[in-house]
Amino acid sequence: MAQAADTLEDRIILACHDVGKATRAWQDYSRCGFINPSPHRHGATGAFLAAAIFLLRDEPDASWWAAVALHVNAAHHSNLAP
């Protein structure tokens, strides 16, 4: 999905958005069909990672892109059950 993005900023946001699923607990949860309670909320991890990447790049609009990353990730994950 990130490869289909038009800009580097979009690629960063898309590449990071579900990075919180890269835990053993989440993978076990997904393998059992999501029937047990979620081991953790995964959405915030990707948002914070993308925001940190933007801030570390130290571009003139880094703060704006960090805010965008936090906002779109929260919007994307807001309709998901815990």
PDB file of N, CA and C in Angstrom:
ATOM      1  N   MET A   1       0.815  -1.186   0.000  1.00  0.00           N
ATOM      2  CA  MET A   1       0.000   0.000   0.000  1.00  0.00           C
ATOM      3  C   MET A   1       0.863   1.257   0.000  1.00  0.00           C
ATOM      4  N   ALA A   2       1.918   1.241   0.775  1.00  0.00           N
ATOM      5  CA  ALA A   2       2.789   2.412   0.837  1.00  0.00           C
ATOM      6  C   ALA A   2       3.443   2.691  -0.509  1.00  0.00           C
ATOM      7  N   GLN A   3       3.693   1.664  -1.285  1.00  0.00           N
ATOM      8  CA  GLN A   3       4.308   1.862  -2.595  1.00  0.00           C
ATOM      9  C   GLN A   3       3.384   2.596  -3.555  1.00  0.00           C
ATOM     10  N   ALA A   4       2.093   2.501  -3.343  1.00  0.00           N
ATOM     11  CA  ALA A   4       1.127   3.164  -4.218  1.00  0.00           C
ATOM     12  C   ALA A   4       0.954   4.642  -3.878  1.00  0.00           C
ATOM     13  N   ALA A   5       1.497   5.078  -2.756  1.00  0.00           N
ATOM     14  CA  ALA A   5       1.364   6.474  -2.331  1.00  0.00           C
ATOM     15  C   ALA A   5       2.152   7.394  -3.256  1.00  0.00           C
ATOM     16  N   ASP A   6       1.642   8.592  -3.433  1.00  0.00           N
ATOM     17  CA  ASP A   6       2.268   9.551  -4.341  1.00  0.00           C
ATOM     18  C   ASP A   6       3.448  10.298  -3.741  1.00  0.00           C
ATOM     19  N   THR A   7       3.468  10.468  -2.419  1.00  0.00           N
ATOM     20  CA  THR A   7       4.515  11.278  -1.799  1.00  0.00           C
ATOM     21  C   THR A   7       5.246  10.470  -0.721  1.00  0.00           C
ATOM     22  N   LEU A   8       6.435  10.919  -0.380  1.00  0.00           N
ATOM     23  CA  LEU A   8       7.187  10.275   0.685  1.00  0.00           C
ATOM     24  C   LEU A   8       6.409  10.343   2.001  1.00  0.00           C
ATOM     25  N   GLU A   9       5.771  11.464   2.256  1.00  0.00           N
ATOM     26  CA  GLU A   9       5.009  11.617   3.503  1.00  0.00           C
ATOM     27  C   GLU A   9       3.880  10.593   3.580  1.00  0.00           C
ATOM     28  N   ASP A  10       3.168  10.407   2.485  1.00  0.00           N
ATOM     29  CA  ASP A  10       2.104   9.398   2.460  1.00  0.00           C
ATOM     30  C   ASP A  10       2.680   8.002   2.668  1.00  0.00           C
ATOM     31  N   ARG A  11       3.825   7.732   2.074  1.00  0.00           N
ATOM     32  CA  ARG A  11       4.462   6.419   2.226  1.00  0.00           C
ATOM     33  C   ARG A  11       4.835   6.154   3.684  1.00  0.00           C
ATOM     34  N   ILE A  12       5.361   7.167   4.348  1.00  0.00           N
ATOM     35  CA  ILE A  12       5.733   7.009   5.758  1.00  0.00           C
ATOM     36  C   ILE A  12       4.502   6.686   6.591  1.00  0.00           C
ATOM     37  N   ILE A  13       3.433   7.439   6.411  1.00  0.00           N
ATOM     38  CA  ILE A  13       2.208   7.216   7.186  1.00  0.00           C
ATOM     39  C   ILE A  13       1.651   5.816   6.918  1.00  0.00           C
ATOM     40  N   LEU A  14       1.577   5.424   5.654  1.00  0.00           N
ATOM     41  CA  LEU A  14       1.017   4.116   5.315  1.00  0.00           C
ATOM     42  C   LEU A  14       1.902   2.969   5.791  1.00  0.00           C
ATOM     43  N   ALA A  15       3.206   3.135   5.684  1.00  0.00           N
ATOM     44  CA  ALA A  15       4.113   2.069   6.110  1.00  0.00           C
ATOM     45  C   ALA A  15       4.066   1.858   7.622  1.00  0.00           C
ATOM     46  N   CYS A  16       3.808   2.913   8.366  1.00  0.00           N
ATOM     47  CA  CYS A  16       3.835   2.832   9.833  1.00  0.00           C
ATOM     48  C   CYS A  16       2.482   2.506  10.458  1.00  0.00           C
ATOM     49  N   HIS A  17       1.387   2.660   9.734  1.00  0.00           N
ATOM     50  CA  HIS A  17       0.077   2.711  10.380  1.00  0.00           C
ATOM     51  C   HIS A  17      -0.302   1.457  11.167  1.00  0.00           C
ATOM     52  N   ASP A  18       0.123   0.278  10.779  1.00  0.00           N
ATOM     53  CA  ASP A  18      -0.227  -0.933  11.520  1.00  0.00           C
ATOM     54  C   ASP A  18       0.988  -1.627  12.132  1.00  0.00           C
ATOM     55  N   VAL A  19       2.059  -0.887  12.358  1.00  0.00           N
ATOM     56  CA  VAL A  19       3.277  -1.495  12.895  1.00  0.00           C
ATOM     57  C   VAL A  19       3.030  -2.095  14.284  1.00  0.00           C
ATOM     58  N   GLY A  20       2.025  -1.635  14.982  1.00  0.00           N
ATOM     59  CA  GLY A  20       1.697  -2.174  16.298  1.00  0.00           C
ATOM     60  C   GLY A  20       1.231  -3.625  16.261  1.00  0.00           C
ATOM     61  N   LYS A  21       0.910  -4.115  15.067  1.00  0.00           N
ATOM     62  CA  LYS A  21       0.521  -5.525  14.935  1.00  0.00           C
ATOM     63  C   LYS A  21       1.733  -6.454  14.899  1.00  0.00           C
ATOM     64  N   ALA A  22       2.915  -5.900  14.885  1.00  0.00           N
ATOM     65  CA  ALA A  22       4.140  -6.701  14.795  1.00  0.00           C
ATOM     66  C   ALA A  22       4.628  -7.134  16.169  1.00  0.00           C
ATOM     67  N   THR A  23       3.726  -7.695  16.938  1.00  0.00           N
ATOM     68  CA  THR A  23       4.085  -8.259  18.240  1.00  0.00           C
ATOM     69  C   THR A  23       3.623  -9.702  18.278  1.00  0.00           C
ATOM     70  N   ARG A  24       4.284 -10.488  19.081  1.00  0.00           N
ATOM     71  CA  ARG A  24       3.875 -11.893  19.206  1.00  0.00           C
ATOM     72  C   ARG A  24       2.434 -11.993  19.727  1.00  0.00           C
ATOM     73  N   ALA A  25       2.093 -11.155  20.691  1.00  0.00           N
ATOM     74  CA  ALA A  25       0.739 -11.200  21.258  1.00  0.00           C
ATOM     75  C   ALA A  25      -0.320 -10.915  20.191  1.00  0.00           C
ATOM     76  N   TRP A  26      -0.076  -9.914  19.347  1.00  0.00           N
ATOM     77  CA  TRP A  26      -1.059  -9.589  18.305  1.00  0.00           C
ATOM     78  C   TRP A  26      -1.131 -10.701  17.260  1.00  0.00           C
ATOM     79  N   GLN A  27       0.001 -11.251  16.879  1.00  0.00           N
ATOM     80  CA  GLN A  27       0.009 -12.323  15.890  1.00  0.00           C
ATOM     81  C   GLN A  27      -0.718 -13.563  16.418  1.00  0.00           C
ATOM     82  N   ASP A  28      -0.523 -13.892  17.682  1.00  0.00           N
ATOM     83  CA  ASP A  28      -1.258 -15.007  18.288  1.00  0.00           C
ATOM     84  C   ASP A  28      -2.754 -14.717  18.282  1.00  0.00           C
ATOM     85  N   TYR A  29      -3.103 -13.499  18.601  1.00  0.00           N
ATOM     86  CA  TYR A  29      -4.508 -13.060  18.603  1.00  0.00           C
ATOM     87  C   TYR A  29      -5.116 -13.216  17.216  1.00  0.00           C
ATOM     88  N   SER A  30      -4.402 -12.813  16.175  1.00  0.00           N
ATOM     89  CA  SER A  30      -4.946 -12.909  14.820  1.00  0.00           C
ATOM     90  C   SER A  30      -5.045 -14.364  14.357  1.00  0.00           C
ATOM     91  N   ARG A  31      -4.108 -15.198  14.788  1.00  0.00           N
ATOM     92  CA  ARG A  31      -4.150 -16.607  14.392  1.00  0.00           C
ATOM     93  C   ARG A  31      -5.332 -17.342  15.011  1.00  0.00           C
ATOM     94  N   CYS A  32      -5.800 -16.897  16.158  1.00  0.00           N
ATOM     95  CA  CYS A  32      -6.932 -17.584  16.790  1.00  0.00           C
ATOM     96  C   CYS A  32      -8.261 -16.961  16.358  1.00  0.00           C
ATOM     97  N   GLY A  33      -8.232 -16.157  15.317  1.00  0.00           N
ATOM     98  CA  GLY A  33      -9.474 -15.638  14.747  1.00  0.00           C
ATOM     99  C   GLY A  33     -10.067 -14.450  15.470  1.00  0.00           C
ATOM    100  N   PHE A  34      -9.272 -13.717  16.233  1.00  0.00           N
ATOM    101  CA  PHE A  34      -9.723 -12.509  16.927  1.00  0.00           C
ATOM    102  C   PHE A  34     -10.861 -12.791  17.909  1.00  0.00           C
ATOM    103  N   ILE A  35     -10.912 -14.013  18.457  1.00  0.00           N
ATOM    104  CA  ILE A  35     -12.016 -14.352  19.359  1.00  0.00           C
ATOM    105  C   ILE A  35     -11.713 -14.013  20.810  1.00  0.00           C
ATOM    106  N   ASN A  36     -10.457 -13.912  21.163  1.00  0.00           N
ATOM    107  CA  ASN A  36     -10.087 -13.541  22.526  1.00  0.00           C
ATOM    108  C   ASN A  36     -10.034 -12.019  22.632  1.00  0.00           C
ATOM    109  N   PRO A  37      -9.986 -11.491  23.830  1.00  0.00           N
ATOM    110  CA  PRO A  37      -9.819 -10.039  23.945  1.00  0.00           C
ATOM    111  C   PRO A  37      -8.501  -9.607  23.299  1.00  0.00           C
ATOM    112  N   SER A  38      -8.514  -8.447  22.674  1.00  0.00           N
ATOM    113  CA  SER A  38      -7.316  -7.911  22.044  1.00  0.00           C
ATOM    114  C   SER A  38      -6.206  -7.759  23.072  1.00  0.00           C
ATOM    115  N   PRO A  39      -4.984  -8.139  22.718  1.00  0.00           N
ATOM    116  CA  PRO A  39      -3.883  -8.034  23.674  1.00  0.00           C
ATOM    117  C   PRO A  39      -3.457  -6.587  23.909  1.00  0.00           C
ATOM    118  N   HIS A  40      -3.729  -5.706  22.976  1.00  0.00           N
ATOM    119  CA  HIS A  40      -3.389  -4.292  23.126  1.00  0.00           C
ATOM    120  C   HIS A  40      -3.977  -3.522  21.951  1.00  0.00           C
ATOM    121  N   ARG A  41      -4.101  -2.243  22.132  1.00  0.00           N
ATOM    122  CA  ARG A  41      -4.513  -1.391  21.022  1.00  0.00           C
ATOM    123  C   ARG A  41      -3.277  -1.127  20.169  1.00  0.00           C
ATOM    124  N   HIS A  42      -3.358  -1.463  18.909  1.00  0.00           N
ATOM    125  CA  HIS A  42      -2.177  -1.372  18.058  1.00  0.00           C
ATOM    126  C   HIS A  42      -2.057  -0.050  17.313  1.00  0.00           C
ATOM    127  N   GLY A  43      -3.120   0.707  17.203  1.00  0.00           N
ATOM    128  CA  GLY A  43      -3.141   1.885  16.351  1.00  0.00           C
ATOM    129  C   GLY A  43      -2.189   2.994  16.746  1.00  0.00           C
ATOM    130  N   ALA A  44      -2.070   3.263  18.011  1.00  0.00           N
ATOM    131  CA  ALA A  44      -1.243   4.387  18.451  1.00  0.00           C
ATOM    132  C   ALA A  44       0.239   4.175  18.143  1.00  0.00           C
ATOM    133  N   THR A  45       0.686   2.945  18.159  1.00  0.00           N
ATOM    134  CA  THR A  45       2.101   2.670  17.929  1.00  0.00           C
ATOM    135  C   THR A  45       2.555   3.200  16.573  1.00  0.00           C
ATOM    136  N   GLY A  46       1.805   2.897  15.535  1.00  0.00           N
ATOM    137  CA  GLY A  46       2.157   3.361  14.197  1.00  0.00           C
ATOM    138  C   GLY A  46       2.071   4.864  14.055  1.00  0.00           C
ATOM    139  N   ALA A  47       1.084   5.453  14.701  1.00  0.00           N
ATOM    140  CA  ALA A  47       0.940   6.913  14.646  1.00  0.00           C
ATOM    141  C   ALA A  47       2.140   7.597  15.281  1.00  0.00           C
ATOM    142  N   PHE A  48       2.546   7.109  16.447  1.00  0.00           N
ATOM    143  CA  PHE A  48       3.699   7.707  17.128  1.00  0.00           C
ATOM    144  C   PHE A  48       4.994   7.478  16.345  1.00  0.00           C
ATOM    145  N   LEU A  49       5.140   6.307  15.732  1.00  0.00           N
ATOM    146  CA  LEU A  49       6.334   6.046  14.937  1.00  0.00           C
ATOM    147  C   LEU A  49       6.412   6.997  13.745  1.00  0.00           C
ATOM    148  N   ALA A  50       5.319   7.136  13.011  1.00  0.00           N
ATOM    149  CA  ALA A  50       5.311   8.044  11.858  1.00  0.00           C
ATOM    150  C   ALA A  50       5.590   9.478  12.299  1.00  0.00           C
ATOM    151  N   ALA A  51       4.957   9.913  13.388  1.00  0.00           N
ATOM    152  CA  ALA A  51       5.184  11.270  13.889  1.00  0.00           C
ATOM    153  C   ALA A  51       6.654  11.472  14.261  1.00  0.00           C
ATOM    154  N   ALA A  52       7.246  10.489  14.907  1.00  0.00           N
ATOM    155  CA  ALA A  52       8.660  10.592  15.289  1.00  0.00           C
ATOM    156  C   ALA A  52       9.554  10.677  14.064  1.00  0.00           C
ATOM    157  N   ILE A  53       9.245   9.894  13.038  1.00  0.00           N
ATOM    158  CA  ILE A  53      10.041   9.944  11.813  1.00  0.00           C
ATOM    159  C   ILE A  53       9.984  11.342  11.209  1.00  0.00           C
ATOM    160  N   PHE A  54       8.791  11.918  11.157  1.00  0.00           N
ATOM    161  CA  PHE A  54       8.677  13.271  10.604  1.00  0.00           C
ATOM    162  C   PHE A  54       9.472  14.277  11.429  1.00  0.00           C
ATOM    163  N   LEU A  55       9.372  14.190  12.738  1.00  0.00           N
ATOM    164  CA  LEU A  55      10.082  15.148  13.590  1.00  0.00           C
ATOM    165  C   LEU A  55      11.592  14.971  13.499  1.00  0.00           C
ATOM    166  N   LEU A  56      12.050  13.752  13.357  1.00  0.00           N
ATOM    167  CA  LEU A  56      13.488  13.502  13.225  1.00  0.00           C
ATOM    168  C   LEU A  56      14.033  13.955  11.872  1.00  0.00           C
ATOM    169  N   ARG A  57      13.177  14.025  10.869  1.00  0.00           N
ATOM    170  CA  ARG A  57      13.620  14.497   9.552  1.00  0.00           C
ATOM    171  C   ARG A  57      13.937  15.988   9.597  1.00  0.00           C
ATOM    172  N   ASP A  58      13.379  16.701  10.541  1.00  0.00           N
ATOM    173  CA  ASP A  58      13.675  18.115  10.754  1.00  0.00           C
ATOM    174  C   ASP A  58      13.469  18.967   9.500  1.00  0.00           C
ATOM    175  N   GLU A  59      12.398  18.678   8.780  1.00  0.00           N
ATOM    176  CA  GLU A  59      12.014  19.483   7.615  1.00  0.00           C
ATOM    177  C   GLU A  59      11.206  20.684   8.098  1.00  0.00           C
ATOM    178  N   PRO A  60      11.061  21.714   7.274  1.00  0.00           N
ATOM    179  CA  PRO A  60      10.307  22.904   7.692  1.00  0.00           C
ATOM    180  C   PRO A  60       8.865  22.595   8.123  1.00  0.00           C
ATOM    181  N   ASP A  61       8.238  21.598   7.506  1.00  0.00           N
ATOM    182  CA  ASP A  61       6.849  21.276   7.843  1.00  0.00           C
ATOM    183  C   ASP A  61       6.729  19.978   8.645  1.00  0.00           C
ATOM    184  N   ALA A  62       7.784  19.609   9.370  1.00  0.00           N
ATOM    185  CA  ALA A  62       7.814  18.352  10.119  1.00  0.00           C
ATOM    186  C   ALA A  62       6.707  18.270  11.166  1.00  0.00           C
ATOM    187  N   SER A  63       6.465  19.351  11.887  1.00  0.00           N
ATOM    188  CA  SER A  63       5.419  19.337  12.923  1.00  0.00           C
ATOM    189  C   SER A  63       4.045  19.137  12.307  1.00  0.00           C
ATOM    190  N   TRP A  64       3.833  19.752  11.164  1.00  0.00           N
ATOM    191  CA  TRP A  64       2.537  19.603  10.488  1.00  0.00           C
ATOM    192  C   TRP A  64       2.332  18.150  10.072  1.00  0.00           C
ATOM    193  N   TRP A  65       3.348  17.538   9.450  1.00  0.00           N
ATOM    194  CA  TRP A  65       3.217  16.140   9.026  1.00  0.00           C
ATOM    195  C   TRP A  65       3.095  15.203  10.222  1.00  0.00           C
ATOM    196  N   ALA A  66       3.756  15.502  11.323  1.00  0.00           N
ATOM    197  CA  ALA A  66       3.602  14.680  12.527  1.00  0.00           C
ATOM    198  C   ALA A  66       2.155  14.726  13.003  1.00  0.00           C
ATOM    199  N   ALA A  67       1.558  15.901  12.993  1.00  0.00           N
ATOM    200  CA  ALA A  67       0.156  16.035  13.385  1.00  0.00           C
ATOM    201  C   ALA A  67      -0.760  15.294  12.416  1.00  0.00           C
ATOM    202  N   VAL A  68      -0.467  15.372  11.133  1.00  0.00           N
ATOM    203  CA  VAL A  68      -1.252  14.639  10.133  1.00  0.00           C
ATOM    204  C   VAL A  68      -1.178  13.138  10.406  1.00  0.00           C
ATOM    205  N   ALA A  69       0.019  12.632  10.663  1.00  0.00           N
ATOM    206  CA  ALA A  69       0.192  11.204  10.938  1.00  0.00           C
ATOM    207  C   ALA A  69      -0.635  10.773  12.148  1.00  0.00           C
ATOM    208  N   LEU A  70      -0.618  11.559  13.201  1.00  0.00           N
ATOM    209  CA  LEU A  70      -1.395  11.234  14.397  1.00  0.00           C
ATOM    210  C   LEU A  70      -2.889  11.268  14.104  1.00  0.00           C
ATOM    211  N   HIS A  71      -3.317  12.276  13.370  1.00  0.00           N
ATOM    212  CA  HIS A  71      -4.743  12.440  13.085  1.00  0.00           C
ATOM    213  C   HIS A  71      -5.287  11.330  12.184  1.00  0.00           C
ATOM    214  N   VAL A  72      -4.624  11.070  11.065  1.00  0.00           N
ATOM    215  CA  VAL A  72      -5.176  10.074  10.144  1.00  0.00           C
ATOM    216  C   VAL A  72      -5.129   8.674  10.739  1.00  0.00           C
ATOM    217  N   ASN A  73      -4.128   8.389  11.544  1.00  0.00           N
ATOM    218  CA  ASN A  73      -4.067   7.080  12.179  1.00  0.00           C
ATOM    219  C   ASN A  73      -5.191   6.932  13.193  1.00  0.00           C
ATOM    220  N   ALA A  74      -5.431   7.966  13.957  1.00  0.00           N
ATOM    221  CA  ALA A  74      -6.531   7.920  14.930  1.00  0.00           C
ATOM    222  C   ALA A  74      -7.876   7.785  14.215  1.00  0.00           C
ATOM    223  N   ALA A  75      -8.050   8.518  13.131  1.00  0.00           N
ATOM    224  CA  ALA A  75      -9.297   8.438  12.373  1.00  0.00           C
ATOM    225  C   ALA A  75      -9.484   7.039  11.790  1.00  0.00           C
ATOM    226  N   HIS A  76      -8.421   6.479  11.255  1.00  0.00           N
ATOM    227  CA  HIS A  76      -8.493   5.139  10.661  1.00  0.00           C
ATOM    228  C   HIS A  76      -8.853   4.081  11.697  1.00  0.00           C
ATOM    229  N   HIS A  77      -8.278   4.177  12.873  1.00  0.00           N
ATOM    230  CA  HIS A  77      -8.496   3.155  13.896  1.00  0.00           C
ATOM    231  C   HIS A  77      -9.677   3.443  14.825  1.00  0.00           C
ATOM    232  N   SER A  78     -10.316   4.584  14.701  1.00  0.00           N
ATOM    233  CA  SER A  78     -11.356   4.960  15.653  1.00  0.00           C
ATOM    234  C   SER A  78     -12.613   4.111  15.559  1.00  0.00           C
ATOM    235  N   ASN A  79     -12.869   3.500  14.432  1.00  0.00           N
ATOM    236  CA  ASN A  79     -14.082   2.686  14.287  1.00  0.00           C
ATOM    237  C   ASN A  79     -13.835   1.216  14.567  1.00  0.00           C
ATOM    238  N   LEU A  80     -12.636   0.862  14.996  1.00  0.00           N
ATOM    239  CA  LEU A  80     -12.336  -0.517  15.282  1.00  0.00           C
ATOM    240  C   LEU A  80     -12.677  -0.843  16.730  1.00  0.00           C
ATOM    241  N   ALA A  81     -13.155  -2.045  16.939  1.00  0.00           N
ATOM    242  CA  ALA A  81     -13.451  -2.475  18.312  1.00  0.00           C
ATOM    243  C   ALA A  81     -12.143  -2.683  19.056  1.00  0.00           C
ATOM    244  N   PRO A  82     -12.146  -2.492  20.396  1.00  0.00           N
ATOM    245  CA  PRO A  82     -10.905  -2.708  21.159  1.00  0.00           C
ATOM    246  C   PRO A  82     -10.424  -4.138  21.103  1.00  0.00           C
TER     247      PRO A  82
END
